[in-house]
Amino acid sequence: MTRTAKTGGVSRRTALAQLSAFTVLASQGVTLSAAAAPGDKRLVVVLLRGGMDGLALVPPYGDKNYETVRGELALIPANRTGGILDLNGFFGLHPAAEALMPFWTAGEMAVIPAAWSGYEGRSHFAAQDALETGRPRGGGDGTGWLNRALSAMNGSAVAAAPQLPLILRGPAQAVTLGDDRVPYQDPGFFRRVQLLYGDDTLFSQMLVQGVRAREQIGAILSEEDLKSGRSARRAQHLTLAGGAAGKLLASDDGPRVAVLEASGWDTHQNQGVEEGVLARRFAGLADGLAALAEALGPRWKQTAVLVMTEFGRTARPNGTGGTDHGTAGAALLLGGAVKGGSIVGKWPGLAPDALADGRDLAPSVDLRGVIKSVLAGHMGLSASALNSRVLPGSGSVSALPGLIA
């Protein structure tokens, strides 16, 4: 256990309950961390590691250059069987992400089709650092923007992994509970802990949920190993993680902030179109967000969820049925606290002279502006705190109006 065994606004008992649910997913490419913050507002940040193909998730099928540029990766047009799910007559959703449509219809999801962190290179590591630190050009003190926001709110963080994700590192009190010395792989470990803490209602309940999730994962692994391999398993794990995060955030004495990380979005080859590797991941993402909302119950109305990836991918497919590292990607903002049903930002277009470096979707929305909108409008941080402490050097980036209800 690092830094401190005390977690500020999250009790040790609740932190242990979080651990029982979180660690069952950590080895499967899906990681959950949580944080305490004052008030009843909930915030979830979803990091899609690997560079998600935003033009596949949010296809601009109304752009006259869409089918030409996307080539073999162009989706079946909207309003045809198995085709794109229409949003506004120009943009749509990948058909595998159907579970997101109710959020759009309810006005609880905003789509940002040309978003970026401000980072201009093509390195996964540098791009993820830029996304998590809020410093597109690098440098700084190695702290994450969400931790700095928690510090401004007197919050604290908990992670069920050997290390906190970069986004949660910094001045705010933090604790990691994923100590390698704890025998989580011992099949009798959770049962012995259940017996020891049988009279602790909250802990016992969460532990049962964690054991159930572990059993579900075992079933998924054995079934999917015979089918489509790791990508299908990851889709299922996102669903489990979303439900687990929702239950934790719904607790009165539980955390108020969660970070969900999902790897496996680096689709250099054979990413598929309506079906395939990427489609399964989109389905898992959509189902995971739906499970999060369902598990939150009434708390969903107090929740904002920001879904981001470190960069987009090339507009045109490469020679192996995939896409390479690009510039702008797609982001989503959803939740009961979100003023959704809208497309955010100016569409740069897919004309040859509009593409960045002649190959990538050009950016039109700086994600730091979206982050500012959420932290100010939803979590109550002041503009001065955002510009000086949370996202220093971002004074030229304004919060986007009208994103929070």
Protein backbone atom coordinates (compact mmCIF):
# COMPACT_ATOMS: atom_id res chain seq x y z
CA MET A 1 0.00 0.00 0.00
CA THR A 2 1.51 3.34 -0.99
CA ARG A 3 1.45 6.87 0.35
CA THR A 4 -1.25 6.38 2.97
CA ALA A 5 -3.80 3.87 4.17
CA LYS A 6 -6.32 6.62 4.74
CA THR A 7 -8.28 7.86 1.75
CA GLY A 8 -9.88 11.07 2.91
CA GLY A 9 -13.50 11.15 1.82
CA VAL A 10 -13.55 7.44 0.97
CA SER A 11 -13.46 5.19 4.04
CA ARG A 12 -11.00 2.31 4.24
CA ARG A 13 -13.95 -0.07 4.34
CA THR A 14 -15.33 1.36 1.10
CA ALA A 15 -11.87 1.33 -0.47
CA LEU A 16 -11.52 -2.38 0.33
CA ALA A 17 -14.94 -3.01 -1.14
CA GLN A 18 -13.84 -1.21 -4.29
CA LEU A 19 -10.76 -3.38 -4.44
CA SER A 20 -12.79 -6.59 -4.36
CA ALA A 21 -14.65 -5.48 -7.48
CA PHE A 22 -11.78 -3.77 -9.30
CA THR A 23 -9.02 -6.37 -9.13
CA VAL A 24 -11.00 -9.03 -10.94
CA LEU A 25 -10.69 -7.01 -14.16
CA ALA A 26 -7.20 -5.52 -13.89
CA SER A 27 -5.41 -8.33 -15.74
CA GLN A 28 -7.83 -8.23 -18.65
CA GLY A 29 -6.95 -4.84 -20.16
CA VAL A 30 -9.65 -3.01 -18.19
CA THR A 31 -8.73 -0.99 -15.09
CA LEU A 32 -10.87 0.99 -12.66
CA SER A 33 -9.78 3.66 -10.19
CA ALA A 34 -11.93 5.82 -7.94
CA ALA A 35 -11.74 9.10 -6.08
CA ALA A 36 -13.54 10.94 -3.32
CA ALA A 37 -14.88 14.46 -3.91
CA PRO A 38 -17.27 16.67 -1.97
CA GLY A 39 -20.93 16.88 -2.93
CA ASP A 40 -23.24 14.49 -4.71
CA LYS A 41 -22.11 15.02 -8.31
CA ARG A 42 -20.55 12.03 -10.05
CA LEU A 43 -17.85 12.14 -12.72
CA VAL A 44 -16.53 9.24 -14.78
CA VAL A 45 -13.57 9.55 -17.15
CA VAL A 46 -13.17 6.72 -19.67
CA LEU A 47 -9.75 6.42 -21.33
CA LEU A 48 -9.64 4.31 -24.51
CA ARG A 49 -5.98 3.45 -24.86
CA GLY A 50 -4.52 2.76 -28.28
CA GLY A 51 -6.12 5.46 -30.42
CA MET A 52 -9.77 4.76 -31.19
CA ASP A 53 -10.95 5.21 -34.80
CA GLY A 54 -13.41 8.07 -34.35
CA LEU A 55 -14.49 8.00 -37.99
CA ALA A 56 -15.72 4.44 -37.38
CA LEU A 57 -17.54 5.19 -34.12
CA VAL A 58 -19.09 8.45 -35.35
CA PRO A 59 -19.17 8.16 -39.16
CA PRO A 60 -19.84 11.47 -40.98
CA TYR A 61 -21.84 9.70 -43.66
CA GLY A 62 -23.28 13.01 -44.91
CA ASP A 63 -19.83 14.25 -45.94
CA LYS A 64 -19.61 13.89 -49.71
CA ASN A 65 -16.06 12.56 -49.39
CA TYR A 66 -16.86 9.96 -46.73
CA GLU A 67 -17.17 6.84 -48.89
CA THR A 68 -14.23 7.79 -51.12
CA VAL A 69 -11.87 8.49 -48.22
CA ARG A 70 -12.90 5.54 -46.08
CA GLY A 71 -12.85 3.09 -48.96
CA GLU A 72 -13.19 -0.51 -47.76
CA LEU A 73 -13.88 0.75 -44.22
CA ALA A 74 -16.93 2.81 -45.23
CA LEU A 75 -20.00 1.58 -43.35
CA ILE A 76 -23.34 0.66 -44.91
CA PRO A 77 -25.29 3.94 -45.31
CA ALA A 78 -27.85 5.00 -42.73
CA ASN A 79 -31.45 3.82 -43.06
CA ARG A 80 -30.36 0.52 -44.62
CA THR A 81 -30.37 -2.83 -42.83
CA GLY A 82 -27.25 -3.22 -40.76
CA GLY A 83 -26.13 0.29 -41.59
CA ILE A 84 -25.11 3.42 -39.74
CA LEU A 85 -27.42 4.54 -36.93
CA ASP A 86 -28.50 8.07 -37.83
CA LEU A 87 -27.98 10.89 -35.33
CA ASN A 88 -28.77 14.11 -37.17
CA GLY A 89 -28.86 13.41 -40.89
CA PHE A 90 -25.10 13.91 -41.28
CA PHE A 91 -23.43 12.04 -38.43
CA GLY A 92 -24.28 8.58 -37.20
CA LEU A 93 -23.11 5.85 -34.84
CA HIS A 94 -21.50 2.55 -35.68
CA PRO A 95 -24.28 -0.08 -35.64
CA ALA A 96 -22.43 -2.08 -32.99
CA ALA A 97 -22.78 0.90 -30.61
CA GLU A 98 -26.57 0.68 -30.65
CA ALA A 99 -26.74 0.72 -26.84
CA LEU A 100 -25.72 4.40 -26.98
CA MET A 101 -28.75 5.48 -29.02
CA PRO A 102 -31.14 5.80 -26.04
CA PHE A 103 -28.76 8.34 -24.49
CA TRP A 104 -28.80 10.40 -27.67
CA THR A 105 -32.58 10.19 -27.96
CA ALA A 106 -32.99 11.23 -24.32
CA GLY A 107 -30.73 14.25 -24.80
CA GLU A 108 -28.09 12.73 -22.50
CA MET A 109 -25.19 12.40 -24.94
CA ALA A 110 -23.13 14.96 -26.83
CA VAL A 111 -20.81 13.82 -29.62
CA ILE A 112 -17.48 15.52 -30.36
CA PRO A 113 -16.42 14.16 -33.77
CA ALA A 114 -13.11 16.04 -34.28
CA ALA A 115 -11.58 16.21 -30.80
CA TRP A 116 -7.93 16.21 -29.80
CA SER A 117 -5.71 16.84 -26.80
CA GLY A 118 -3.51 19.37 -28.59
CA TYR A 119 -0.71 16.83 -29.03
CA GLU A 120 0.73 16.91 -32.56
CA GLY A 121 2.78 13.70 -32.74
CA ARG A 122 2.00 10.02 -33.27
CA SER A 123 3.47 8.35 -30.19
CA HIS A 124 1.01 6.47 -27.99
CA PHE A 125 3.03 7.21 -24.87
CA ALA A 126 3.45 10.94 -25.47
CA ALA A 127 -0.18 11.27 -26.58
CA GLN A 128 -1.51 9.50 -23.49
CA ASP A 129 0.71 11.67 -21.30
CA ALA A 130 -0.73 14.77 -22.99
CA LEU A 131 -4.29 13.52 -22.50
CA GLU A 132 -3.78 12.68 -18.82
CA THR A 133 -1.61 15.60 -17.76
CA GLY A 134 -3.46 18.23 -19.79
CA ARG A 135 -0.10 19.39 -21.19
CA PRO A 136 -0.04 18.78 -24.97
CA ARG A 137 3.59 19.86 -25.31
CA GLY A 138 4.87 17.78 -22.44
CA GLY A 139 6.83 18.99 -19.47
CA GLY A 140 5.22 19.79 -16.15
CA ASP A 141 5.59 17.95 -12.89
CA GLY A 142 4.27 14.50 -13.80
CA THR A 143 0.83 15.06 -12.29
CA GLY A 144 -2.56 14.41 -13.85
CA TRP A 145 -5.25 17.00 -14.47
CA LEU A 146 -7.89 15.00 -12.59
CA ASN A 147 -5.69 14.73 -9.49
CA ARG A 148 -5.08 18.48 -9.62
CA ALA A 149 -8.84 18.99 -9.88
CA LEU A 150 -9.35 16.73 -6.86
CA SER A 151 -6.75 18.73 -4.98
CA ALA A 152 -8.71 21.91 -5.71
CA MET A 153 -11.83 20.14 -4.38
CA ASN A 154 -10.05 18.57 -1.36
CA GLY A 155 -10.66 15.11 -2.78
CA SER A 156 -8.60 11.89 -2.79
CA ALA A 157 -8.00 8.93 -5.07
CA VAL A 158 -7.97 5.12 -4.80
CA ALA A 159 -6.64 2.65 -7.37
CA ALA A 160 -6.79 -1.14 -7.40
CA ALA A 161 -3.50 -1.46 -9.26
CA PRO A 162 0.19 -1.33 -8.33
CA GLN A 163 0.28 2.27 -9.63
CA LEU A 164 -2.21 5.06 -10.00
CA PRO A 165 -2.92 6.01 -13.60
CA LEU A 166 -1.13 9.23 -14.53
CA ILE A 167 -4.40 11.16 -14.66
CA LEU A 168 -4.80 10.56 -10.88
CA ARG A 169 -1.22 11.23 -9.79
CA GLY A 170 -0.41 14.46 -8.02
CA PRO A 171 -0.93 16.58 -4.92
CA ALA A 172 -4.30 15.16 -3.90
CA GLN A 173 -4.08 12.34 -1.37
CA ALA A 174 -3.95 8.99 -3.15
CA VAL A 175 -3.65 5.34 -2.23
CA THR A 176 -2.99 2.22 -4.29
CA LEU A 177 -4.40 -1.04 -3.02
CA GLY A 178 -3.06 -3.43 -5.66
CA ASP A 179 -0.14 -4.70 -3.60
CA ASP A 180 1.38 -7.76 -5.28
CA ARG A 181 1.82 -9.40 -1.88
CA VAL A 182 -1.94 -9.77 -1.40
CA PRO A 183 -2.98 -13.29 -2.52
CA TYR A 184 -5.82 -12.37 -4.89
CA GLN A 185 -5.04 -15.38 -7.06
CA ASP A 186 -5.68 -17.78 -4.16
CA PRO A 187 -9.16 -19.17 -4.99
CA GLY A 188 -10.04 -19.38 -1.27
CA PHE A 189 -8.93 -15.86 -0.40
CA PHE A 190 -12.21 -14.02 -0.99
CA ARG A 191 -14.19 -16.74 0.80
CA ARG A 192 -12.01 -16.40 3.92
CA VAL A 193 -12.43 -12.63 3.86
CA GLN A 194 -16.20 -13.06 3.48
CA LEU A 195 -16.27 -15.13 6.66
CA LEU A 196 -14.09 -12.64 8.49
CA TYR A 197 -16.23 -9.63 7.55
CA GLY A 198 -19.62 -11.34 7.45
CA ASP A 199 -21.15 -8.82 9.87
CA ASP A 200 -20.07 -5.82 7.77
CA THR A 201 -23.06 -5.27 5.49
CA LEU A 202 -21.47 -2.91 2.97
CA PHE A 203 -18.19 -4.78 2.65
CA SER A 204 -19.87 -8.17 2.51
CA GLN A 205 -22.25 -7.01 -0.23
CA MET A 206 -19.47 -5.55 -2.37
CA LEU A 207 -17.29 -8.61 -1.84
CA VAL A 208 -20.08 -10.87 -3.05
CA GLN A 209 -20.40 -8.68 -6.15
CA GLY A 210 -16.66 -8.89 -6.72
CA VAL A 211 -16.64 -12.68 -6.41
CA ARG A 212 -19.59 -12.91 -8.76
CA ALA A 213 -17.77 -10.73 -11.28
CA ARG A 214 -14.69 -12.95 -10.96
CA GLU A 215 -16.83 -16.02 -11.68
CA GLN A 216 -18.45 -14.29 -14.66
CA ILE A 217 -15.04 -13.44 -16.06
CA GLY A 218 -13.97 -17.06 -15.72
CA ALA A 219 -16.99 -18.12 -17.73
CA ILE A 220 -16.31 -15.46 -20.36
CA LEU A 221 -12.69 -16.48 -20.72
CA SER A 222 -13.48 -20.12 -21.25
CA GLU A 223 -16.27 -19.38 -23.73
CA GLU A 224 -14.58 -16.65 -25.72
CA ASP A 225 -11.27 -18.49 -25.92
CA LEU A 226 -13.13 -20.90 -28.18
CA LYS A 227 -14.54 -18.06 -30.28
CA SER A 228 -12.94 -14.76 -31.17
CA GLY A 229 -10.10 -14.41 -28.69
CA ARG A 230 -8.99 -11.41 -26.69
CA SER A 231 -10.96 -8.63 -28.39
CA ALA A 232 -14.30 -10.27 -27.62
CA ARG A 233 -13.29 -10.85 -24.03
CA ARG A 234 -12.35 -7.21 -23.63
CA ALA A 235 -15.77 -6.16 -24.86
CA GLN A 236 -17.38 -8.27 -22.13
CA HIS A 237 -15.00 -6.91 -19.52
CA LEU A 238 -16.02 -3.34 -20.32
CA THR A 239 -19.60 -4.29 -19.57
CA LEU A 240 -18.64 -5.82 -16.23
CA ALA A 241 -16.44 -2.84 -15.37
CA GLY A 242 -19.19 -0.35 -16.18
CA GLY A 243 -21.63 -2.14 -13.91
CA ALA A 244 -19.09 -2.41 -11.10
CA ALA A 245 -18.20 1.28 -11.35
CA GLY A 246 -21.87 2.25 -11.33
CA LYS A 247 -22.58 0.27 -8.16
CA LEU A 248 -19.63 1.86 -6.39
CA LEU A 249 -20.59 5.39 -7.42
CA ALA A 250 -24.22 4.80 -6.45
CA SER A 251 -23.27 4.10 -2.82
CA ASP A 252 -23.99 6.96 -0.43
CA ASP A 253 -20.55 6.64 1.19
CA GLY A 254 -18.78 5.52 -1.97
CA PRO A 255 -16.60 7.47 -4.37
CA ARG A 256 -17.82 10.36 -6.51
CA VAL A 257 -15.25 10.08 -9.31
CA ALA A 258 -14.09 7.06 -11.30
CA VAL A 259 -11.55 6.44 -14.05
CA LEU A 260 -12.09 3.50 -16.39
CA GLU A 261 -9.21 2.52 -18.67
CA ALA A 262 -9.66 0.11 -21.57
CA SER A 263 -6.80 -0.93 -23.82
CA GLY A 264 -6.87 -2.58 -27.23
CA TRP A 265 -7.93 0.26 -29.57
CA ASP A 266 -4.79 0.22 -31.75
CA THR A 267 -6.32 -1.23 -34.93
CA HIS A 268 -3.50 -1.32 -37.47
CA GLN A 269 -4.89 -4.32 -39.31
CA ASN A 270 -8.15 -6.18 -39.93
CA GLN A 271 -10.24 -3.83 -37.82
CA GLY A 272 -13.42 -4.83 -39.64
CA VAL A 273 -16.38 -2.77 -40.77
CA GLU A 274 -19.90 -3.59 -39.50
CA GLU A 275 -18.44 -6.65 -37.81
CA GLY A 276 -15.02 -7.60 -36.57
CA VAL A 277 -12.53 -6.60 -33.88
CA LEU A 278 -13.45 -2.92 -33.71
CA ALA A 279 -17.19 -3.60 -33.85
CA ARG A 280 -16.90 -5.90 -30.83
CA ARG A 281 -15.05 -3.21 -28.92
CA PHE A 282 -17.68 -0.61 -29.81
CA ALA A 283 -20.37 -2.99 -28.59
CA GLY A 284 -18.47 -3.52 -25.33
CA LEU A 285 -18.00 0.22 -24.84
CA ALA A 286 -21.67 0.97 -25.48
CA ASP A 287 -22.85 -1.90 -23.30
CA GLY A 288 -20.43 -0.85 -20.56
CA LEU A 289 -21.75 2.71 -20.54
CA ALA A 290 -25.32 1.40 -20.50
CA ALA A 291 -24.43 -0.89 -17.58
CA LEU A 292 -22.86 2.07 -15.77
CA ALA A 293 -26.03 4.13 -16.17
CA GLU A 294 -28.28 1.27 -15.08
CA ALA A 295 -26.18 0.53 -11.99
CA LEU A 296 -26.11 4.20 -10.99
CA GLY A 297 -29.91 4.28 -10.92
CA PRO A 298 -31.19 7.65 -9.66
CA ARG A 299 -27.59 8.87 -9.36
CA TRP A 300 -27.32 8.90 -13.16
CA LYS A 301 -29.05 12.29 -13.14
CA GLN A 302 -26.07 13.63 -11.18
CA THR A 303 -23.45 12.05 -13.43
CA ALA A 304 -21.26 13.21 -16.32
CA VAL A 305 -19.16 10.70 -18.29
CA LEU A 306 -16.31 11.85 -20.53
CA VAL A 307 -15.00 9.28 -23.03
CA MET A 308 -11.62 10.11 -24.61
CA THR A 309 -8.77 8.53 -26.55
CA GLU A 310 -5.22 9.77 -27.07
CA PHE A 311 -5.56 10.43 -30.79
CA GLY A 312 -7.60 9.40 -33.80
CA ARG A 313 -6.54 7.33 -36.76
CA THR A 314 -5.84 7.93 -40.43
CA ALA A 315 -8.90 8.82 -42.48
CA ARG A 316 -7.96 6.35 -45.19
CA PRO A 317 -7.39 2.66 -44.51
CA ASN A 318 -3.90 1.24 -44.80
CA GLY A 319 -3.00 -1.79 -46.87
CA THR A 320 -3.89 -4.33 -44.18
CA GLY A 321 -7.52 -3.46 -43.54
CA GLY A 322 -6.73 -1.19 -40.62
CA THR A 323 -5.80 2.40 -39.86
CA ASP A 324 -2.65 4.02 -38.56
CA HIS A 325 -2.01 6.67 -35.91
CA GLY A 326 -3.76 9.93 -36.72
CA THR A 327 -4.67 13.30 -35.25
CA ALA A 328 -8.27 14.14 -34.34
CA GLY A 329 -10.54 11.44 -32.97
CA ALA A 330 -14.02 11.29 -31.50
CA ALA A 331 -15.01 11.91 -27.89
CA LEU A 332 -18.32 11.46 -26.09
CA LEU A 333 -19.88 13.29 -23.17
CA LEU A 334 -22.92 11.63 -21.65
CA GLY A 335 -24.91 11.44 -18.46
CA GLY A 336 -28.05 12.72 -16.83
CA ALA A 337 -26.20 15.95 -16.03
CA VAL A 338 -25.28 16.50 -19.69
CA LYS A 339 -27.16 18.70 -22.12
CA GLY A 340 -26.92 16.29 -25.00
CA GLY A 341 -28.51 15.51 -28.32
CA SER A 342 -25.90 17.70 -30.02
CA ILE A 343 -22.80 17.55 -32.19
CA VAL A 344 -20.04 19.66 -30.64
CA GLY A 345 -17.62 21.69 -32.76
CA LYS A 346 -17.23 22.69 -36.37
CA TRP A 347 -16.84 19.80 -38.77
CA PRO A 348 -13.51 20.17 -40.66
CA GLY A 349 -14.53 17.89 -43.51
CA LEU A 350 -12.87 15.04 -45.37
CA ALA A 351 -11.91 16.87 -48.56
CA PRO A 352 -8.29 16.14 -49.54
CA ASP A 353 -7.17 19.70 -48.78
CA ALA A 354 -8.96 19.62 -45.40
CA LEU A 355 -7.11 16.60 -44.03
CA ALA A 356 -4.28 17.23 -41.57
CA ASP A 357 -0.96 16.24 -43.16
CA GLY A 358 -3.05 15.03 -46.09
CA ARG A 359 -4.07 11.92 -44.16
CA ASP A 360 -5.81 12.68 -40.85
CA LEU A 361 -9.06 14.21 -39.70
CA ALA A 362 -8.20 17.77 -38.68
CA PRO A 363 -9.06 18.78 -35.10
CA SER A 364 -11.71 21.36 -34.30
CA VAL A 365 -12.30 20.92 -30.54
CA ASP A 366 -9.60 21.03 -27.87
CA LEU A 367 -10.50 18.48 -25.21
CA ARG A 368 -9.22 20.83 -22.53
CA GLY A 369 -12.22 23.03 -23.31
CA VAL A 370 -14.54 20.06 -22.75
CA ILE A 371 -12.74 19.19 -19.51
CA LYS A 372 -13.13 22.77 -18.33
CA SER A 373 -16.85 22.70 -19.14
CA VAL A 374 -17.35 19.54 -17.08
CA LEU A 375 -15.19 20.58 -14.12
CA ALA A 376 -16.73 24.06 -13.97
CA GLY A 377 -20.35 23.40 -14.88
CA HIS A 378 -20.69 20.01 -13.22
CA MET A 379 -18.12 19.83 -10.41
CA GLY A 380 -18.13 23.54 -9.53
CA LEU A 381 -14.49 24.49 -10.05
CA SER A 382 -13.76 28.14 -10.72
CA ALA A 383 -12.19 29.43 -13.93
CA SER A 384 -9.20 30.67 -11.96
CA ALA A 385 -8.61 27.23 -10.44
CA LEU A 386 -8.91 25.60 -13.86
CA ASN A 387 -6.46 27.95 -15.54
CA SER A 388 -3.93 28.16 -12.73
CA ARG A 389 -3.99 24.75 -11.03
CA VAL A 390 -5.83 22.15 -13.07
CA LEU A 391 -4.88 23.02 -16.66
CA PRO A 392 -2.07 25.55 -16.42
CA GLY A 393 -1.11 27.14 -19.70
CA SER A 394 -4.61 26.65 -21.14
CA GLY A 395 -5.79 30.24 -20.79
CA SER A 396 -6.40 30.49 -24.53
CA VAL A 397 -8.71 27.45 -24.43
CA SER A 398 -12.24 28.39 -23.36
CA ALA A 399 -14.81 26.16 -21.72
CA LEU A 400 -17.48 25.13 -24.18
CA PRO A 401 -20.89 26.54 -23.29
CA GLY A 402 -24.07 24.51 -23.05
CA LEU A 403 -22.63 21.06 -22.33
CA ILE A 404 -23.93 20.69 -18.78
CA ALA A 405 -27.66 20.80 -18.07
